[in-house]
C-alpha atoms as a PDB file:
ATOM      1  CA  PHE A   1     -39.025   5.832 -35.102  1.00  0.00           C
ATOM      2  CA  ASN A   2     -36.283   2.775 -34.227  1.00  0.00           C
ATOM      3  CA  PHE A   3     -35.001   1.717 -30.893  1.00  0.00           C
ATOM      4  CA  ALA A   4     -31.398   1.465 -30.807  1.00  0.00           C
ATOM      5  CA  VAL A   5     -31.231  -0.073 -26.937  1.00  0.00           C
ATOM      6  CA  VAL A   6     -34.870  -2.230 -26.310  1.00  0.00           C
ATOM      7  CA  GLU A   7     -35.418  -3.470 -23.319  1.00  0.00           C
ATOM      8  CA  ASP A   8     -35.991  -7.066 -24.552  1.00  0.00           C
ATOM      9  CA  LYS A   9     -34.223  -7.339 -28.121  1.00  0.00           C
ATOM     10  CA  PRO A  10     -35.724  -8.936 -31.828  1.00  0.00           C
ATOM     11  CA  VAL A  11     -36.052 -13.117 -30.758  1.00  0.00           C
ATOM     12  CA  PHE A  12     -34.257 -15.107 -33.917  1.00  0.00           C
ATOM     13  CA  PRO A  13     -36.513 -18.398 -34.609  1.00  0.00           C
ATOM     14  CA  GLY A  14     -35.372 -21.207 -32.844  1.00  0.00           C
ATOM     15  CA  CYS A  15     -34.188 -18.550 -29.598  1.00  0.00           C
ATOM     16  CA  GLU A  16     -37.875 -18.227 -28.260  1.00  0.00           C
ATOM     17  CA  LYS A  17     -38.037 -20.869 -25.434  1.00  0.00           C
ATOM     18  CA  ILE A  18     -33.922 -19.157 -23.902  1.00  0.00           C
ATOM     19  CA  LYS A  19     -34.528 -17.697 -21.246  1.00  0.00           C
ATOM     20  CA  ASP A  20     -31.673 -15.286 -19.834  1.00  0.00           C
ATOM     21  CA  LYS A  21     -31.845 -12.322 -22.054  1.00  0.00           C
ATOM     22  CA  LYS A  22     -27.480 -12.561 -22.702  1.00  0.00           C
ATOM     23  CA  LYS A  23     -28.084 -16.004 -23.811  1.00  0.00           C
ATOM     24  CA  ARG A  24     -31.064 -15.714 -26.242  1.00  0.00           C
ATOM     25  CA  ASP A  25     -28.445 -12.339 -27.584  1.00  0.00           C
ATOM     26  CA  LEU A  26     -26.308 -14.933 -28.194  1.00  0.00           C
ATOM     27  CA  CYS A  27     -27.998 -17.509 -29.987  1.00  0.00           C
ATOM     28  CA  PHE A  28     -29.852 -14.369 -32.235  1.00  0.00           C
ATOM     29  CA  GLN A  29     -26.313 -13.764 -33.159  1.00  0.00           C
ATOM     30  CA  GLN A  30     -24.795 -17.444 -33.935  1.00  0.00           C
ATOM     31  CA  LYS A  31     -28.606 -17.636 -35.956  1.00  0.00           C
ATOM     32  CA  ILE A  32     -27.540 -14.553 -37.966  1.00  0.00           C
ATOM     33  CA  ILE A  33     -24.140 -16.256 -38.596  1.00  0.00           C
ATOM     34  CA  GLU A  34     -26.009 -19.439 -40.254  1.00  0.00           C
ATOM     35  CA  HIS A  35     -28.347 -17.622 -42.389  1.00  0.00           C
ATOM     36  CA  ILE A  36     -26.068 -15.750 -43.852  1.00  0.00           C
ATOM     37  CA  ASN A  37     -23.730 -18.863 -44.486  1.00  0.00           C
ATOM     38  CA  SER A  38     -26.607 -20.717 -45.117  1.00  0.00           C
ATOM     39  CA  VAL A  39     -28.324 -18.993 -47.830  1.00  0.00           C
ATOM     40  CA  TYR A  40     -24.490 -16.985 -49.147  1.00  0.00           C
ATOM     41  CA  LYS A  41     -22.986 -17.450 -52.394  1.00  0.00           C
ATOM     42  CA  TYR A  42     -20.381 -15.526 -53.215  1.00  0.00           C
ATOM     43  CA  PRO A  43     -21.659 -13.919 -57.165  1.00  0.00           C
ATOM     44  CA  ALA A  44     -19.170 -15.794 -59.856  1.00  0.00           C
ATOM     45  CA  ILE A  45     -18.286 -11.807 -61.719  1.00  0.00           C
ATOM     46  CA  ALA A  46     -17.073 -11.007 -58.412  1.00  0.00           C
ATOM     47  CA  LYS A  47     -15.543 -14.193 -58.101  1.00  0.00           C
ATOM     48  CA  ASP A  48     -13.951 -13.411 -61.437  1.00  0.00           C
ATOM     49  CA  MET A  49     -12.884 -10.255 -60.669  1.00  0.00           C
ATOM     50  CA  GLY A  50     -11.086 -10.927 -57.540  1.00  0.00           C
ATOM     51  CA  ILE A  51     -13.539  -8.377 -55.617  1.00  0.00           C
ATOM     52  CA  GLN A  52     -13.754  -8.881 -52.665  1.00  0.00           C
ATOM     53  CA  GLY A  53     -14.038  -7.525 -48.963  1.00  0.00           C
ATOM     54  CA  LYS A  54     -16.613  -6.619 -46.049  1.00  0.00           C
ATOM     55  CA  VAL A  55     -20.882  -5.375 -46.738  1.00  0.00           C
ATOM     56  CA  TYR A  56     -22.207  -3.708 -43.617  1.00  0.00           C
ATOM     57  CA  VAL A  57     -26.511  -4.126 -44.131  1.00  0.00           C
ATOM     58  CA  SER A  58     -28.839  -2.262 -41.706  1.00  0.00           C
ATOM     59  CA  PHE A  59     -32.184  -2.838 -42.207  1.00  0.00           C
ATOM     60  CA  VAL A  60     -35.281  -2.953 -39.298  1.00  0.00           C
ATOM     61  CA  ILE A  61     -36.716  -5.434 -37.755  1.00  0.00           C
ATOM     62  CA  ASP A  62     -40.051  -3.718 -37.720  1.00  0.00           C
ATOM     63  CA  LYS A  63     -43.764  -4.287 -35.298  1.00  0.00           C
ATOM     64  CA  SER A  64     -44.360  -7.466 -36.657  1.00  0.00           C
ATOM     65  CA  GLY A  65     -41.476  -9.216 -36.332  1.00  0.00           C
ATOM     66  CA  ARG A  66     -40.258  -8.830 -40.739  1.00  0.00           C
ATOM     67  CA  VAL A  67     -37.082  -7.570 -41.942  1.00  0.00           C
ATOM     68  CA  LYS A  68     -37.226  -3.460 -43.839  1.00  0.00           C
ATOM     69  CA  GLY A  69     -35.704  -0.686 -44.120  1.00  0.00           C
ATOM     70  CA  ILE A  70     -32.917  -3.273 -46.557  1.00  0.00           C
ATOM     71  CA  LYS A  71     -29.808  -0.554 -47.447  1.00  0.00           C
ATOM     72  CA  VAL A  72     -26.015  -1.242 -48.202  1.00  0.00           C
ATOM     73  CA  VAL A  73     -24.612   1.195 -45.630  1.00  0.00           C
ATOM     74  CA  ARG A  74     -20.917   0.501 -46.648  1.00  0.00           C
ATOM     75  CA  GLY A  75     -20.578  -1.704 -50.045  1.00  0.00           C
ATOM     76  CA  VAL A  76     -17.523  -2.905 -51.860  1.00  0.00           C
ATOM     77  CA  ASP A  77     -18.785  -3.618 -55.261  1.00  0.00           C
ATOM     78  CA  LYS A  78     -21.742  -3.993 -56.635  1.00  0.00           C
ATOM     79  CA  HIS A  79     -22.215  -7.275 -56.839  1.00  0.00           C
ATOM     80  CA  LEU A  80     -21.469  -7.873 -53.658  1.00  0.00           C
ATOM     81  CA  ASP A  81     -23.476  -5.164 -51.999  1.00  0.00           C
ATOM     82  CA  GLU A  82     -26.191  -6.890 -53.927  1.00  0.00           C
ATOM     83  CA  GLU A  83     -25.880 -10.358 -52.692  1.00  0.00           C
ATOM     84  CA  ALA A  84     -25.489  -9.079 -48.844  1.00  0.00           C
ATOM     85  CA  ALA A  85     -28.813  -7.690 -49.817  1.00  0.00           C
ATOM     86  CA  ARG A  86     -30.135 -10.493 -51.128  1.00  0.00           C
ATOM     87  CA  ILE A  87     -28.961 -12.457 -48.369  1.00  0.00           C
ATOM     88  CA  VAL A  88     -30.605 -10.213 -45.236  1.00  0.00           C
ATOM     89  CA  LYS A  89     -33.836 -10.158 -47.580  1.00  0.00           C
ATOM     90  CA  THR A  90     -34.363 -13.835 -46.874  1.00  0.00           C
ATOM     91  CA  PHE A  91     -34.362 -13.150 -43.177  1.00  0.00           C
ATOM     92  CA  PRO A  92     -36.831 -15.307 -41.799  1.00  0.00           C
ATOM     93  CA  LYS A  93     -39.970 -13.252 -39.454  1.00  0.00           C
ATOM     94  CA  PHE A  94     -39.080 -12.346 -36.180  1.00  0.00           C
ATOM     95  CA  THR A  95     -40.404 -12.014 -32.705  1.00  0.00           C
ATOM     96  CA  PRO A  96     -40.094  -8.178 -32.833  1.00  0.00           C
ATOM     97  CA  ALA A  97     -38.434  -6.026 -30.060  1.00  0.00           C
ATOM     98  CA  LYS A  98     -40.468  -4.848 -27.116  1.00  0.00           C
ATOM     99  CA  GLN A  99     -40.040  -2.144 -24.869  1.00  0.00           C
ATOM    100  CA  ARG A 100     -42.273  -1.037 -21.696  1.00  0.00           C
ATOM    101  CA  GLY A 101     -43.853  -4.582 -22.930  1.00  0.00           C
ATOM    102  CA  ARG A 102     -45.225  -3.274 -26.941  1.00  0.00           C
ATOM    103  CA  PRO A 103     -43.534  -3.942 -29.948  1.00  0.00           C
ATOM    104  CA  VAL A 104     -41.201  -1.906 -31.482  1.00  0.00           C
ATOM    105  CA  GLN A 105     -39.196  -0.781 -34.800  1.00  0.00           C
ATOM    106  CA  VAL A 106     -35.207  -2.229 -33.974  1.00  0.00           C
ATOM    107  CA  ALA A 107     -32.583  -1.393 -36.422  1.00  0.00           C
ATOM    108  CA  TYR A 108     -29.387  -3.410 -36.765  1.00  0.00           C
ATOM    109  CA  THR A 109     -26.471  -3.293 -38.945  1.00  0.00           C
ATOM    110  CA  VAL A 110     -24.831  -6.340 -40.097  1.00  0.00           C
ATOM    111  CA  PRO A 111     -21.259  -7.469 -41.433  1.00  0.00           C
ATOM    112  CA  ILE A 112     -21.126  -9.699 -44.187  1.00  0.00           C
ATOM    113  CA  SER A 113     -17.598 -10.857 -45.489  1.00  0.00           C
ATOM    114  CA  PHE A 114     -17.072 -12.209 -48.971  1.00  0.00           C
ATOM    115  CA  LYS A 115     -13.296 -13.304 -49.157  1.00  0.00           C
ATOM    116  CA  LEU A 116     -11.831 -15.507 -51.804  1.00  0.00           C
ATOM    117  CA  GLN A 117     -10.346 -19.056 -50.965  1.00  0.00           C
END
């Protein structure tokens, strides 16, 4: 069972010291974007074929903070979909979400854009 809304959302490494929940959530979103940008590699074959678009990848941050259950929920092309899933697989271990002080699983979906320059 995955929670959609939790009292304490997962925390991206580096955001732990932020006490304000809204600021910590913004830090989470910012770090996700930075992480995606740092490991992102546009597949050469997709580039050559002029394929671009936004791939939506869902995943679960489990009770121990690990990413699992990675699924492309809306894909563009198999090469972009595989790269998007690979990026999510490289996410670090998070501080897990908490509900009433207990760690819980949370499902997320992230959009990863592939744009040809």
